[in-house]
Amino acid sequence: MLYFSLGDFVTHPDQPDWGYGQVQSIVGKNVTVNFEHAGKQMINCQIIDLVKVNSDRRD
């Protein structure tokens, strides 16, 4: 089970230069995230554990 929802902000643990991303869609374990420096990326959460970011840490 995924621990984030639509609209949540996340980071990719192996791609810190992508910046923060906002979850756009969730289909099973596939999550589409719009990253500030990499655009939309589909992430398979069976392979990559995205890191949820608290909204107060984004500022």
N, C-alpha and C. Protein backbone atom coordinates (compact mmCIF):
# COMPACT_ATOMS: atom_id res chain seq x y z
N MET A 1 0.84 -1.19 0.00
CA MET A 1 0.00 0.00 0.00
C MET A 1 0.88 1.25 0.00
N LEU A 2 0.50 2.22 -0.83
CA LEU A 2 1.27 3.45 -0.92
C LEU A 2 0.90 4.38 0.23
N TYR A 3 1.82 5.17 0.65
CA TYR A 3 1.65 6.03 1.81
C TYR A 3 1.46 7.49 1.43
N PHE A 4 1.12 7.76 0.19
CA PHE A 4 0.84 9.13 -0.23
C PHE A 4 -0.40 9.13 -1.12
N SER A 5 -0.90 10.32 -1.38
CA SER A 5 -2.15 10.49 -2.13
C SER A 5 -1.95 11.51 -3.24
N LEU A 6 -2.96 11.63 -4.10
CA LEU A 6 -2.91 12.65 -5.15
C LEU A 6 -2.65 14.02 -4.53
N GLY A 7 -1.76 14.77 -5.16
CA GLY A 7 -1.46 16.12 -4.70
C GLY A 7 -0.32 16.20 -3.70
N ASP A 8 0.07 15.07 -3.13
CA ASP A 8 1.19 15.07 -2.19
C ASP A 8 2.49 15.42 -2.91
N PHE A 9 3.43 15.97 -2.16
CA PHE A 9 4.74 16.28 -2.70
C PHE A 9 5.74 15.21 -2.28
N VAL A 10 6.61 14.82 -3.21
CA VAL A 10 7.57 13.76 -2.99
C VAL A 10 8.91 14.14 -3.62
N THR A 11 9.94 13.39 -3.24
CA THR A 11 11.22 13.46 -3.93
C THR A 11 11.62 12.05 -4.35
N HIS A 12 12.47 11.97 -5.35
CA HIS A 12 12.99 10.69 -5.83
C HIS A 12 14.34 10.50 -5.14
N PRO A 13 14.52 9.43 -4.39
CA PRO A 13 15.76 9.25 -3.60
C PRO A 13 17.03 9.16 -4.44
N ASP A 14 16.92 8.71 -5.68
CA ASP A 14 18.10 8.57 -6.54
C ASP A 14 18.29 9.74 -7.50
N GLN A 15 17.34 10.69 -7.50
CA GLN A 15 17.41 11.82 -8.43
C GLN A 15 17.12 13.13 -7.70
N PRO A 16 17.96 13.51 -6.74
CA PRO A 16 17.69 14.74 -5.97
C PRO A 16 17.64 16.00 -6.84
N ASP A 17 18.34 15.98 -7.99
CA ASP A 17 18.34 17.14 -8.86
C ASP A 17 17.00 17.36 -9.56
N TRP A 18 16.09 16.38 -9.49
CA TRP A 18 14.75 16.55 -10.06
C TRP A 18 13.93 17.51 -9.23
N GLY A 19 14.32 17.72 -7.99
CA GLY A 19 13.58 18.62 -7.10
C GLY A 19 12.33 17.95 -6.55
N TYR A 20 11.43 18.80 -6.07
CA TYR A 20 10.17 18.29 -5.53
C TYR A 20 9.24 17.94 -6.68
N GLY A 21 8.41 16.94 -6.43
CA GLY A 21 7.42 16.56 -7.42
C GLY A 21 6.06 16.42 -6.76
N GLN A 22 5.02 16.68 -7.54
CA GLN A 22 3.65 16.53 -7.03
C GLN A 22 3.01 15.32 -7.70
N VAL A 23 2.41 14.46 -6.88
CA VAL A 23 1.76 13.25 -7.37
C VAL A 23 0.54 13.64 -8.21
N GLN A 24 0.53 13.19 -9.47
CA GLN A 24 -0.54 13.52 -10.40
C GLN A 24 -1.56 12.39 -10.55
N SER A 25 -1.06 11.15 -10.55
CA SER A 25 -1.97 10.00 -10.67
C SER A 25 -1.33 8.78 -10.03
N ILE A 26 -2.20 7.88 -9.59
CA ILE A 26 -1.76 6.63 -8.98
C ILE A 26 -2.60 5.51 -9.60
N VAL A 27 -1.93 4.58 -10.26
CA VAL A 27 -2.59 3.41 -10.84
C VAL A 27 -1.82 2.19 -10.37
N GLY A 28 -2.38 1.50 -9.40
CA GLY A 28 -1.67 0.37 -8.80
C GLY A 28 -0.41 0.87 -8.13
N LYS A 29 0.73 0.34 -8.54
CA LYS A 29 2.02 0.78 -7.99
C LYS A 29 2.72 1.79 -8.90
N ASN A 30 2.06 2.19 -10.00
CA ASN A 30 2.63 3.19 -10.90
C ASN A 30 2.10 4.57 -10.53
N VAL A 31 3.04 5.48 -10.28
CA VAL A 31 2.69 6.82 -9.85
C VAL A 31 3.28 7.82 -10.85
N THR A 32 2.45 8.72 -11.34
CA THR A 32 2.94 9.79 -12.20
C THR A 32 3.16 11.01 -11.33
N VAL A 33 4.38 11.54 -11.41
CA VAL A 33 4.79 12.67 -10.59
C VAL A 33 5.30 13.77 -11.51
N ASN A 34 4.87 15.00 -11.26
CA ASN A 34 5.36 16.16 -12.00
C ASN A 34 6.46 16.82 -11.18
N PHE A 35 7.72 16.58 -11.57
CA PHE A 35 8.87 17.13 -10.86
C PHE A 35 9.22 18.51 -11.40
N GLU A 36 9.67 19.39 -10.50
CA GLU A 36 9.94 20.77 -10.89
C GLU A 36 11.08 20.89 -11.91
N HIS A 37 12.04 19.97 -11.92
CA HIS A 37 13.17 20.08 -12.85
C HIS A 37 13.25 18.93 -13.85
N ALA A 38 12.29 18.01 -13.81
CA ALA A 38 12.33 16.86 -14.73
C ALA A 38 11.00 16.61 -15.42
N GLY A 39 9.98 17.41 -15.09
CA GLY A 39 8.67 17.23 -15.71
C GLY A 39 7.99 15.97 -15.20
N LYS A 40 7.02 15.50 -15.99
CA LYS A 40 6.25 14.33 -15.58
C LYS A 40 7.05 13.05 -15.79
N GLN A 41 7.07 12.24 -14.72
CA GLN A 41 7.77 10.97 -14.75
C GLN A 41 6.85 9.90 -14.15
N MET A 42 6.82 8.72 -14.80
CA MET A 42 6.08 7.61 -14.23
C MET A 42 7.06 6.78 -13.41
N ILE A 43 6.71 6.55 -12.16
CA ILE A 43 7.57 5.83 -11.23
C ILE A 43 6.87 4.55 -10.81
N ASN A 44 7.59 3.44 -10.90
CA ASN A 44 7.08 2.16 -10.41
C ASN A 44 7.50 2.04 -8.95
N CYS A 45 6.54 2.14 -8.05
CA CYS A 45 6.84 2.15 -6.62
C CYS A 45 7.16 0.76 -6.07
N GLN A 46 7.15 -0.26 -6.93
CA GLN A 46 7.69 -1.55 -6.51
C GLN A 46 9.21 -1.54 -6.60
N ILE A 47 9.74 -0.58 -7.38
CA ILE A 47 11.18 -0.47 -7.58
C ILE A 47 11.77 0.72 -6.83
N ILE A 48 11.08 1.84 -6.86
CA ILE A 48 11.57 3.09 -6.26
C ILE A 48 10.64 3.49 -5.12
N ASP A 49 11.23 3.78 -3.96
CA ASP A 49 10.46 4.27 -2.81
C ASP A 49 10.54 5.79 -2.78
N LEU A 50 9.51 6.43 -3.32
CA LEU A 50 9.47 7.89 -3.28
C LEU A 50 9.39 8.35 -1.83
N VAL A 51 9.95 9.52 -1.57
CA VAL A 51 9.99 10.06 -0.21
C VAL A 51 8.96 11.18 -0.11
N LYS A 52 7.97 11.00 0.75
CA LYS A 52 6.96 12.03 0.94
C LYS A 52 7.58 13.22 1.66
N VAL A 53 7.21 14.43 1.21
CA VAL A 53 7.75 15.66 1.77
C VAL A 53 6.61 16.40 2.45
N ASN A 54 6.81 16.78 3.71
CA ASN A 54 5.82 17.59 4.41
C ASN A 54 5.75 18.96 3.72
N SER A 55 4.55 19.51 3.60
CA SER A 55 4.37 20.77 2.89
C SER A 55 5.18 21.90 3.51
N ASP A 56 5.42 21.88 4.82
CA ASP A 56 6.21 22.95 5.45
C ASP A 56 7.69 22.84 5.12
N ARG A 57 8.16 21.71 4.61
CA ARG A 57 9.58 21.55 4.25
C ARG A 57 9.84 21.99 2.82
N ARG A 58 8.81 22.24 2.03
CA ARG A 58 8.97 22.64 0.63
C ARG A 58 9.41 24.09 0.49
N ASP A 59 9.17 24.91 1.48
CA ASP A 59 9.42 26.36 1.34
C ASP A 59 10.85 26.73 1.35
